[in-house]
């Protein structure tokens, strides 16, 4: 049995370009992994198990996921890679403990996919060097979703294009964040559709420009272009953001396509007090600390760190 942590992320900045002719938006975003995480347990099925009759038996605690989800996609794609390496992929049993809210812009599904990829590579004893040389993880990650490649790296990073081009930035110093969300699920498609309807399309560049990043929380470079469009549909999202400011948070803003927002705090005691207060008001809320790329990679790739690319 192996146990992997799939970290959440926040978008410290998210700039969105207008919808191109292919229907997609270019983005420029600064991402940061947090200590909030889902937990993935995985093992090989015993030959006599009923589960051994199919490739994956997945149990999910804490949320309801569709039959086809990012974990099943990752396992199916890794099975193809195993066959390419001449390895017969043995059936797996996985349990995913969901602690990252769904539809909150925190990247839980994307992070779960990377954890599943890591579990497959380790349990099937795939060759890390071949995975590296072939760019297998990057290729599978890009296919599953725009945020997935970031979780191969973690820490503080810049995502561009559709979000799949990722490069490390100077790390944010250890920072405590309060993350809060109303009980609401917002789809990414819904948020971008609201953006398209709200903005004057010709005034928005196709390729967004990111203000110069500095490794300190600052309104000079932070911001989220999806905040106003989402708030126009769901005022409770902006109300949660304002409550973060009201309990002493700095640089409060929505993450991703919502529904969660976050704010920075100076110390653990202050952020813990504030999280208790917001939970008493009926919000989902928690206090989490930023984690570095190396911390994230250890948590998701364990004692097999060479599985992950050093840079993307």
Protein backbone atom coordinates (compact mmCIF):
# COMPACT_ATOMS: atom_id res chain seq x y z
CA UNK A 1 0.00 0.00 0.00
CA UNK A 2 1.26 3.45 -0.87
CA UNK A 3 -0.11 6.76 0.39
CA UNK A 4 0.20 9.96 -1.63
CA UNK A 5 -0.87 13.54 -0.92
CA UNK A 6 -2.48 15.47 -3.78
CA UNK A 7 -2.02 19.17 -2.99
CA UNK A 8 -4.52 21.92 -3.69
CA UNK A 9 -3.56 25.11 -5.52
CA UNK A 10 -4.58 28.72 -5.57
CA UNK A 11 -4.21 31.19 -8.41
CA UNK A 12 -2.31 34.13 -6.98
CA UNK A 13 -2.95 35.86 -10.29
CA UNK A 14 -5.09 34.91 -13.28
CA UNK A 15 -5.19 36.96 -16.46
CA UNK A 16 -7.48 35.77 -19.24
CA UNK A 17 -7.36 36.58 -22.94
CA UNK A 18 -10.44 36.81 -25.10
CA UNK A 19 -11.78 33.64 -26.65
CA UNK A 20 -9.83 32.72 -29.78
CA UNK A 21 -11.27 31.28 -32.99
CA UNK A 22 -10.64 27.73 -31.70
CA UNK A 23 -12.96 28.42 -28.76
CA UNK A 24 -10.23 28.42 -26.11
CA UNK A 25 -8.84 31.20 -23.92
CA UNK A 26 -5.17 31.88 -23.35
CA UNK A 27 -4.21 32.58 -19.76
CA UNK A 28 -1.27 33.84 -17.76
CA UNK A 29 -1.46 32.65 -14.18
CA UNK A 30 0.70 32.42 -11.08
CA UNK A 31 -0.10 29.23 -9.15
CA UNK A 32 0.81 28.14 -5.64
CA UNK A 33 0.44 24.75 -3.94
CA UNK A 34 -1.03 24.59 -0.43
CA UNK A 35 -0.95 22.13 2.45
CA UNK A 36 -4.63 21.34 1.83
CA UNK A 37 -4.65 17.97 0.07
CA UNK A 38 -6.59 14.92 -0.97
CA UNK A 39 -5.10 11.56 0.06
CA UNK A 40 -4.72 8.67 -2.40
CA UNK A 41 -4.13 5.13 -1.14
CA UNK A 42 -3.20 2.53 -3.75
CA UNK A 43 -2.18 -1.11 -3.88
CA UNK A 44 -2.07 -4.01 -6.29
CA UNK A 45 -5.15 -6.21 -6.18
CA UNK A 46 -4.55 -9.72 -4.91
CA UNK A 47 -4.98 -12.37 -7.64
CA UNK A 48 -8.01 -13.84 -5.86
CA UNK A 49 -9.75 -10.50 -5.27
CA UNK A 50 -13.00 -9.79 -7.06
CA UNK A 51 -11.37 -6.44 -7.93
CA UNK A 52 -8.71 -8.28 -9.96
CA UNK A 53 -11.23 -8.71 -12.77
CA UNK A 54 -10.88 -5.07 -13.85
CA UNK A 55 -8.00 -2.62 -14.10
CA UNK A 56 -9.12 -0.26 -11.33
CA UNK A 57 -11.42 -0.45 -8.35
CA UNK A 58 -11.76 3.11 -7.02
CA UNK A 59 -13.48 4.07 -3.78
CA UNK A 60 -14.01 7.77 -3.08
CA UNK A 61 -14.65 9.09 0.43
CA UNK A 62 -15.84 12.64 1.03
CA UNK A 63 -17.35 13.41 -2.38
CA UNK A 64 -19.32 11.91 -5.24
CA UNK A 65 -17.34 11.67 -8.48
CA UNK A 66 -18.60 10.55 -11.88
CA UNK A 67 -17.69 7.06 -13.04
CA UNK A 68 -15.20 8.59 -15.47
CA UNK A 69 -12.99 11.07 -13.63
CA UNK A 70 -9.43 12.34 -13.63
CA UNK A 71 -8.15 9.34 -11.64
CA UNK A 72 -9.68 6.78 -13.99
CA UNK A 73 -8.38 8.77 -16.98
CA UNK A 74 -4.87 8.80 -15.52
CA UNK A 75 -4.88 5.07 -14.78
CA UNK A 76 -6.14 4.19 -18.27
CA UNK A 77 -3.47 6.36 -19.90
CA UNK A 78 -0.72 4.90 -17.71
CA UNK A 79 -1.85 1.38 -18.62
CA UNK A 80 -1.12 2.22 -22.26
CA UNK A 81 2.36 3.40 -21.24
CA UNK A 82 2.92 0.18 -19.29
CA UNK A 83 2.10 -1.90 -22.38
CA UNK A 84 4.52 0.26 -24.38
CA UNK A 85 7.23 -0.64 -21.85
CA UNK A 86 6.38 -4.32 -22.16
CA UNK A 87 4.78 -4.41 -18.69
CA UNK A 88 1.38 -5.98 -18.09
CA UNK A 89 -0.51 -3.53 -15.83
CA UNK A 90 -1.86 -5.43 -12.85
CA UNK A 91 -5.29 -4.49 -11.44
CA UNK A 92 -5.25 -1.76 -8.80
CA UNK A 93 -7.31 -0.90 -5.76
CA UNK A 94 -7.38 2.79 -4.87
CA UNK A 95 -9.11 4.83 -2.19
CA UNK A 96 -9.31 8.58 -2.69
CA UNK A 97 -10.07 10.67 0.39
CA UNK A 98 -11.43 13.98 -0.88
CA UNK A 99 -10.69 16.97 1.33
CA UNK A 100 -10.42 19.57 -1.46
CA UNK A 101 -13.91 20.89 -2.30
CA UNK A 102 -15.25 20.21 -5.78
CA UNK A 103 -15.96 23.11 -8.12
CA UNK A 104 -13.99 25.53 -5.98
CA UNK A 105 -11.07 26.45 -8.26
CA UNK A 106 -8.58 24.62 -6.01
CA UNK A 107 -7.42 22.03 -8.55
CA UNK A 108 -8.31 18.89 -6.62
CA UNK A 109 -9.19 16.77 -9.63
CA UNK A 110 -6.04 17.80 -11.48
CA UNK A 111 -3.84 17.03 -8.49
CA UNK A 112 -5.56 13.66 -7.99
CA UNK A 113 -4.67 12.75 -11.58
CA UNK A 114 -0.96 13.30 -10.95
CA UNK A 115 -1.11 11.23 -7.76
CA UNK A 116 -2.76 8.42 -9.71
CA UNK A 117 -0.08 8.60 -12.41
CA UNK A 118 2.61 8.35 -9.74
CA UNK A 119 0.89 5.40 -8.07
CA UNK A 120 0.64 3.50 -11.36
CA UNK A 121 4.29 4.07 -12.22
CA UNK A 122 5.44 2.87 -8.81
CA UNK A 123 3.15 -0.13 -8.40
CA UNK A 124 3.74 -1.34 -11.94
CA UNK A 125 7.48 -0.64 -11.55
CA UNK A 126 7.73 1.37 -14.76
CA UNK A 127 11.14 2.73 -15.74
CA UNK A 128 11.47 6.33 -14.57
CA UNK A 129 14.11 7.08 -17.22
CA UNK A 130 11.76 6.03 -20.01
CA UNK A 131 8.94 8.09 -18.55
CA UNK A 132 11.28 11.08 -18.46
CA UNK A 133 12.68 10.64 -21.95
CA UNK A 134 9.30 10.12 -23.57
CA UNK A 135 7.63 12.99 -21.71
CA UNK A 136 4.86 10.58 -20.73
CA UNK A 137 3.64 12.43 -17.66
CA UNK A 138 3.56 15.79 -19.41
CA UNK A 139 1.67 14.34 -22.39
CA UNK A 140 -0.91 12.57 -20.22
CA UNK A 141 -1.26 15.61 -17.96
CA UNK A 142 -1.97 17.94 -20.89
CA UNK A 143 -4.57 15.52 -22.24
CA UNK A 144 -6.46 15.30 -18.92
CA UNK A 145 -6.70 19.03 -18.20
CA UNK A 146 -5.08 22.44 -18.26
CA UNK A 147 -4.14 22.53 -14.55
CA UNK A 148 -2.70 19.01 -14.44
CA UNK A 149 0.85 19.80 -15.72
CA UNK A 150 1.30 22.29 -12.87
CA UNK A 151 0.97 19.48 -10.34
CA UNK A 152 3.96 17.72 -11.85
CA UNK A 153 5.96 20.66 -10.51
CA UNK A 154 4.10 22.41 -7.68
CA UNK A 155 5.43 25.26 -5.58
CA UNK A 156 5.16 28.71 -7.12
CA UNK A 157 4.92 28.65 -10.92
CA UNK A 158 3.80 30.56 -13.99
CA UNK A 159 1.30 28.91 -16.32
CA UNK A 160 0.75 30.23 -19.83
CA UNK A 161 -1.01 29.23 -23.03
CA UNK A 162 -4.00 27.19 -21.93
CA UNK A 163 -2.19 26.78 -18.61
CA UNK A 164 -0.23 23.70 -19.68
CA UNK A 165 3.10 25.51 -20.18
CA UNK A 166 4.52 25.74 -16.69
CA UNK A 167 7.77 27.17 -15.34
CA UNK A 168 9.00 27.68 -11.80
CA UNK A 169 9.13 31.15 -10.28
CA UNK A 170 11.09 32.44 -7.31
CA UNK A 171 9.21 30.78 -4.45
CA UNK A 172 6.79 32.68 -2.31
CA UNK A 173 8.10 32.73 1.27
CA UNK A 174 6.21 30.51 3.70
CA UNK A 175 2.79 32.14 3.86
CA UNK A 176 -0.40 31.26 5.71
CA UNK A 177 -3.64 31.46 3.74
CA UNK A 178 -7.26 31.37 4.79
CA UNK A 179 -9.33 29.69 2.08
CA UNK A 180 -13.12 30.01 2.20
CA UNK A 181 -16.03 29.16 -0.07
CA UNK A 182 -19.81 29.20 -0.04
CA UNK A 183 -21.50 25.82 -0.50
CA UNK A 184 -21.53 26.16 -4.26
CA UNK A 185 -20.08 24.27 -7.24
CA UNK A 186 -18.95 26.40 -10.20
CA UNK A 187 -17.86 24.74 -13.42
CA UNK A 188 -14.92 26.17 -15.33
CA UNK A 189 -17.04 26.35 -18.49
CA UNK A 190 -19.67 28.42 -16.67
CA UNK A 191 -17.05 30.90 -15.44
CA UNK A 192 -15.47 31.40 -18.86
CA UNK A 193 -18.87 31.79 -20.51
CA UNK A 194 -19.68 34.51 -17.99
CA UNK A 195 -16.34 36.15 -18.82
CA UNK A 196 -17.15 36.13 -22.55
CA UNK A 197 -20.54 37.69 -21.92
CA UNK A 198 -19.29 40.38 -19.55
CA UNK A 199 -16.14 41.66 -21.25
CA UNK A 200 -16.07 43.78 -24.39
CA UNK A 201 -14.27 41.16 -26.46
CA UNK A 202 -12.27 43.48 -28.71
CA UNK A 203 -10.84 45.38 -25.75
CA UNK A 204 -9.29 42.19 -24.32
CA UNK A 205 -6.05 40.90 -25.90
CA UNK A 206 -5.95 37.32 -27.19
CA UNK A 207 -2.70 36.75 -25.26
CA UNK A 208 -2.96 38.22 -21.75
CA UNK A 209 -0.09 40.10 -20.17
CA UNK A 210 0.92 39.21 -16.62
CA UNK A 211 2.15 42.08 -14.42
CA UNK A 212 5.69 41.49 -13.14
CA UNK A 213 5.64 38.84 -10.42
CA UNK A 214 7.37 39.46 -7.10
CA UNK A 215 7.68 36.83 -4.33
CA UNK A 216 5.46 38.78 -1.95
CA UNK A 217 1.67 39.14 -1.87
CA UNK A 218 0.79 42.42 -3.54
CA UNK A 219 -2.11 43.97 -5.39
CA UNK A 220 0.46 45.28 -7.87
CA UNK A 221 0.57 41.94 -9.66
CA UNK A 222 -2.21 39.80 -8.16
CA UNK A 223 -5.80 39.70 -9.41
CA UNK A 224 -8.30 37.42 -11.15
CA UNK A 225 -10.04 38.38 -14.37
CA UNK A 226 -12.82 35.84 -13.73
CA UNK A 227 -13.85 37.34 -10.39
CA UNK A 228 -16.29 39.96 -11.62
CA UNK A 229 -18.00 37.71 -14.19
CA UNK A 230 -18.45 34.93 -11.62
CA UNK A 231 -19.67 37.38 -8.96
CA UNK A 232 -22.30 38.67 -11.38
CA UNK A 233 -23.79 35.17 -11.44
CA UNK A 234 -23.02 34.17 -7.86
CA UNK A 235 -22.86 37.19 -5.50
CA UNK A 236 -22.19 34.85 -2.57
CA UNK A 237 -18.70 34.21 -3.99
CA UNK A 238 -17.78 37.87 -3.68
CA UNK A 239 -19.47 38.01 -0.29
CA UNK A 240 -17.09 35.28 0.92
CA UNK A 241 -14.13 37.24 -0.45
CA UNK A 242 -15.25 40.33 1.43
CA UNK A 243 -15.57 38.31 4.63
CA UNK A 244 -11.94 37.24 4.21
CA UNK A 245 -10.98 40.91 4.17
CA UNK A 246 -13.21 41.58 7.14
CA UNK A 247 -11.41 39.07 9.36
CA UNK A 248 -8.02 40.59 8.62
CA UNK A 249 -6.85 38.87 5.46
CA UNK A 250 -4.65 40.64 2.91
CA UNK A 251 -4.95 40.52 -0.88
CA UNK A 252 -8.27 38.65 -0.73
CA UNK A 253 -9.35 37.29 -4.11
CA UNK A 254 -11.11 34.41 -5.82
CA UNK A 255 -9.01 31.47 -7.00
CA UNK A 256 -9.37 29.97 -10.47
CA UNK A 257 -12.94 29.93 -11.68
CA UNK A 258 -14.27 29.89 -8.09
CA UNK A 259 -16.12 29.30 -5.87
CA UNK A 260 -13.29 29.53 -3.30
CA UNK A 261 -11.41 32.69 -2.35
CA UNK A 262 -8.29 33.16 -0.25
CA UNK A 263 -6.40 35.79 1.71
CA UNK A 264 -2.94 35.95 3.24
CA UNK A 265 -2.26 36.09 6.99
CA UNK A 266 0.84 36.90 9.00
CA UNK A 267 0.85 33.90 11.32
CA UNK A 268 -0.80 30.59 12.10
CA UNK A 269 -2.63 31.75 15.20
CA UNK A 270 -4.38 34.62 13.41
CA UNK A 271 -5.42 32.53 10.41
CA UNK A 272 -6.70 29.72 12.63
CA UNK A 273 -8.88 32.13 14.61
CA UNK A 274 -10.24 33.62 11.40
CA UNK A 275 -11.03 30.20 9.93
CA UNK A 276 -13.07 29.24 13.00
CA UNK A 277 -15.02 32.49 12.69
CA UNK A 278 -15.89 31.95 9.03
CA UNK A 279 -16.97 28.37 9.66
CA UNK A 280 -19.31 29.65 12.36
CA UNK A 281 -20.83 31.88 9.68
CA UNK A 282 -21.61 28.86 7.49
CA UNK A 283 -18.73 28.96 5.01
CA UNK A 284 -16.40 26.12 4.21
CA UNK A 285 -13.08 27.49 5.48
CA UNK A 286 -9.61 26.32 6.45
CA UNK A 287 -6.13 27.59 7.31
CA UNK A 288 -3.33 26.29 5.08
CA UNK A 289 0.32 27.09 4.46
CA UNK A 290 2.13 27.43 1.15
CA UNK A 291 4.30 24.46 0.20
CA UNK A 292 7.35 24.45 -2.04
CA UNK A 293 7.94 22.48 -5.19
CA UNK A 294 10.24 20.05 -3.40
CA UNK A 295 7.70 19.49 -0.60
CA UNK A 296 4.94 18.88 -3.12
CA UNK A 297 7.04 16.50 -5.20
CA UNK A 298 7.97 14.44 -2.15
CA UNK A 299 4.32 14.20 -1.12
CA UNK A 300 3.06 13.03 -4.51
CA UNK A 301 6.06 11.09 -5.85
CA UNK A 302 7.29 9.77 -2.50
CA UNK A 303 10.58 7.90 -2.63
CA UNK A 304 10.48 7.80 -6.43
CA UNK A 305 11.19 11.51 -7.17
CA UNK A 306 12.76 10.88 -10.56
CA UNK A 307 9.32 10.20 -11.93
CA UNK A 308 8.65 13.92 -12.04
CA UNK A 309 10.26 16.30 -14.50
CA UNK A 310 12.72 18.72 -12.91
CA UNK A 311 11.38 21.54 -15.06
CA UNK A 312 8.56 21.82 -17.54
